[in-house]
Amino acid sequence: MEWEDLFFCCEYNENMKCLICSKTIHGILRSNIQRHYFTCHAEYAELKGIINIIIMIIIIIINNTEL
């Protein structure tokens, strides 16, 4: 899903889970995910391309036991 790359989140049950802070975002709505991302994690918004992918992999590894 493109939202994983854009907003550092993944599908979790019937919701989304933020890979940065592990918060559950209720409902799979782009507006909810986008609001959470830009409100809580705006510093990641400037990252693009390969840097974004590397950081997402690191976050997944760190949070792997929580997902």
N, C-alpha and C. Protein backbone atom coordinates (compact mmCIF):
# COMPACT_ATOMS: atom_id res chain seq x y z
N MET A 1 0.85 -1.18 0.00
CA MET A 1 0.00 0.00 0.00
C MET A 1 0.89 1.24 0.00
N GLU A 2 0.55 2.20 -0.79
CA GLU A 2 1.36 3.42 -0.88
C GLU A 2 1.40 4.20 0.44
N TRP A 3 0.42 4.00 1.30
CA TRP A 3 0.38 4.74 2.57
C TRP A 3 1.55 4.35 3.46
N GLU A 4 2.03 3.11 3.33
CA GLU A 4 3.19 2.70 4.12
C GLU A 4 4.39 3.58 3.78
N ASP A 5 4.59 3.83 2.52
CA ASP A 5 5.71 4.66 2.08
C ASP A 5 5.50 6.13 2.42
N LEU A 6 4.28 6.60 2.31
CA LEU A 6 4.00 8.03 2.53
C LEU A 6 3.90 8.39 4.01
N PHE A 7 3.26 7.54 4.80
CA PHE A 7 2.90 7.91 6.16
C PHE A 7 3.43 6.95 7.24
N PHE A 8 4.35 6.05 6.89
CA PHE A 8 4.95 5.13 7.86
C PHE A 8 3.88 4.39 8.67
N CYS A 9 2.96 3.73 7.99
CA CYS A 9 1.92 2.98 8.69
C CYS A 9 1.65 1.69 7.94
N CYS A 10 1.02 0.75 8.62
CA CYS A 10 0.65 -0.51 7.98
C CYS A 10 -0.73 -0.93 8.47
N GLU A 11 -1.35 -1.80 7.71
CA GLU A 11 -2.66 -2.28 8.07
C GLU A 11 -2.53 -3.20 9.29
N TYR A 12 -3.41 -3.00 10.25
CA TYR A 12 -3.36 -3.75 11.51
C TYR A 12 -4.80 -4.07 11.91
N ASN A 13 -5.17 -5.34 11.79
CA ASN A 13 -6.56 -5.76 11.96
C ASN A 13 -7.43 -4.94 11.00
N GLU A 14 -8.39 -4.21 11.48
CA GLU A 14 -9.22 -3.40 10.60
C GLU A 14 -8.89 -1.93 10.73
N ASN A 15 -7.71 -1.63 11.23
CA ASN A 15 -7.25 -0.27 11.43
C ASN A 15 -5.87 -0.13 10.80
N MET A 16 -5.22 0.97 11.10
CA MET A 16 -3.85 1.18 10.67
C MET A 16 -2.99 1.36 11.91
N LYS A 17 -1.73 0.98 11.82
CA LYS A 17 -0.80 1.13 12.93
C LYS A 17 0.36 2.00 12.48
N CYS A 18 0.64 3.03 13.25
CA CYS A 18 1.76 3.92 12.96
C CYS A 18 3.04 3.17 13.29
N LEU A 19 3.96 3.10 12.33
CA LEU A 19 5.22 2.40 12.54
C LEU A 19 6.21 3.24 13.34
N ILE A 20 5.94 4.50 13.50
CA ILE A 20 6.84 5.38 14.24
C ILE A 20 6.53 5.32 15.73
N CYS A 21 5.27 5.48 16.10
CA CYS A 21 4.91 5.55 17.52
C CYS A 21 4.05 4.36 17.99
N SER A 22 3.71 3.46 17.09
CA SER A 22 2.90 2.26 17.38
C SER A 22 1.46 2.57 17.77
N LYS A 23 1.01 3.77 17.53
CA LYS A 23 -0.38 4.12 17.84
C LYS A 23 -1.31 3.50 16.79
N THR A 24 -2.45 3.02 17.24
CA THR A 24 -3.46 2.50 16.33
C THR A 24 -4.30 3.67 15.83
N ILE A 25 -4.44 3.76 14.52
CA ILE A 25 -5.23 4.81 13.89
C ILE A 25 -6.52 4.15 13.43
N HIS A 26 -7.62 4.54 14.02
CA HIS A 26 -8.89 3.87 13.77
C HIS A 26 -9.42 4.20 12.39
N GLY A 27 -9.80 3.16 11.68
CA GLY A 27 -10.34 3.30 10.34
C GLY A 27 -9.24 3.43 9.31
N ILE A 28 -9.46 2.81 8.19
CA ILE A 28 -8.48 2.89 7.11
C ILE A 28 -8.91 4.01 6.17
N LEU A 29 -8.76 5.21 6.66
CA LEU A 29 -9.10 6.40 5.88
C LEU A 29 -7.84 7.24 5.70
N ARG A 30 -7.57 7.63 4.48
CA ARG A 30 -6.38 8.42 4.21
C ARG A 30 -6.35 9.69 5.06
N SER A 31 -7.49 10.32 5.24
CA SER A 31 -7.53 11.57 6.01
C SER A 31 -7.10 11.36 7.46
N ASN A 32 -7.51 10.25 8.08
CA ASN A 32 -7.10 9.95 9.46
C ASN A 32 -5.61 9.71 9.56
N ILE A 33 -5.09 8.93 8.62
CA ILE A 33 -3.67 8.59 8.63
C ILE A 33 -2.82 9.83 8.35
N GLN A 34 -3.25 10.61 7.39
CA GLN A 34 -2.52 11.82 7.03
C GLN A 34 -2.52 12.83 8.19
N ARG A 35 -3.66 12.98 8.84
CA ARG A 35 -3.75 13.91 9.98
C ARG A 35 -2.81 13.48 11.10
N HIS A 36 -2.81 12.20 11.43
CA HIS A 36 -1.92 11.69 12.47
C HIS A 36 -0.45 11.95 12.08
N TYR A 37 -0.10 11.62 10.87
CA TYR A 37 1.28 11.75 10.41
C TYR A 37 1.77 13.20 10.47
N PHE A 38 0.98 14.12 9.92
CA PHE A 38 1.43 15.51 9.89
C PHE A 38 1.30 16.21 11.25
N THR A 39 0.43 15.71 12.12
CA THR A 39 0.31 16.28 13.46
C THR A 39 1.42 15.77 14.38
N CYS A 40 1.72 14.49 14.31
CA CYS A 40 2.65 13.88 15.26
C CYS A 40 4.07 13.66 14.71
N HIS A 41 4.21 13.57 13.39
CA HIS A 41 5.50 13.18 12.83
C HIS A 41 5.89 14.03 11.62
N ALA A 42 5.64 15.30 11.69
CA ALA A 42 5.89 16.20 10.56
C ALA A 42 7.36 16.20 10.13
N GLU A 43 8.27 15.92 11.06
CA GLU A 43 9.69 15.95 10.72
C GLU A 43 10.07 14.89 9.68
N TYR A 44 9.25 13.84 9.53
CA TYR A 44 9.52 12.80 8.55
C TYR A 44 9.01 13.18 7.15
N ALA A 45 8.19 14.20 7.06
CA ALA A 45 7.55 14.56 5.79
C ALA A 45 8.55 14.98 4.72
N GLU A 46 9.71 15.48 5.13
CA GLU A 46 10.70 15.93 4.16
C GLU A 46 11.54 14.80 3.59
N LEU A 47 11.47 13.63 4.18
CA LEU A 47 12.27 12.51 3.71
C LEU A 47 11.65 11.91 2.46
N LYS A 48 12.47 11.61 1.50
CA LYS A 48 11.98 11.07 0.23
C LYS A 48 12.82 9.88 -0.21
N GLY A 49 12.24 9.08 -1.06
CA GLY A 49 12.97 8.02 -1.74
C GLY A 49 13.60 7.00 -0.84
N ILE A 50 14.86 6.68 -1.12
CA ILE A 50 15.56 5.61 -0.44
C ILE A 50 15.72 5.87 1.05
N ILE A 51 15.89 7.13 1.43
CA ILE A 51 16.00 7.45 2.86
C ILE A 51 14.72 7.08 3.59
N ASN A 52 13.59 7.36 2.98
CA ASN A 52 12.29 7.01 3.54
C ASN A 52 12.18 5.50 3.73
N ILE A 53 12.59 4.75 2.74
CA ILE A 53 12.51 3.29 2.80
C ILE A 53 13.42 2.74 3.89
N ILE A 54 14.64 3.26 3.98
CA ILE A 54 15.59 2.79 5.00
C ILE A 54 15.04 3.07 6.40
N ILE A 55 14.53 4.25 6.62
CA ILE A 55 13.98 4.59 7.94
C ILE A 55 12.78 3.71 8.27
N MET A 56 11.93 3.45 7.28
CA MET A 56 10.77 2.60 7.51
C MET A 56 11.22 1.19 7.90
N ILE A 57 12.24 0.66 7.25
CA ILE A 57 12.75 -0.68 7.59
C ILE A 57 13.30 -0.70 9.01
N ILE A 58 14.05 0.32 9.38
CA ILE A 58 14.60 0.40 10.74
C ILE A 58 13.47 0.45 11.76
N ILE A 59 12.46 1.25 11.51
CA ILE A 59 11.33 1.36 12.44
C ILE A 59 10.61 0.03 12.55
N ILE A 60 10.42 -0.68 11.44
CA ILE A 60 9.75 -2.00 11.47
C ILE A 60 10.57 -2.97 12.30
N ILE A 61 11.88 -2.99 12.12
CA ILE A 61 12.73 -3.89 12.89
C ILE A 61 12.64 -3.58 14.37
N ILE A 62 12.70 -2.30 14.73
CA ILE A 62 12.65 -1.91 16.14
C ILE A 62 11.31 -2.29 16.76
N ASN A 63 10.22 -2.09 16.02
CA ASN A 63 8.88 -2.35 16.55
C ASN A 63 8.37 -3.75 16.25
N ASN A 64 9.19 -4.58 15.68
CA ASN A 64 8.73 -5.90 15.21
C ASN A 64 8.02 -6.70 16.28
N THR A 65 8.47 -6.66 17.49
CA THR A 65 7.83 -7.44 18.54
C THR A 65 6.48 -6.88 18.96
N GLU A 66 6.24 -5.61 18.65
CA GLU A 66 4.98 -4.96 19.04
C GLU A 66 3.89 -5.14 18.00
N LEU A 67 4.24 -5.46 16.75
CA LEU A 67 3.23 -5.56 15.68
C LEU A 67 2.56 -6.87 15.65
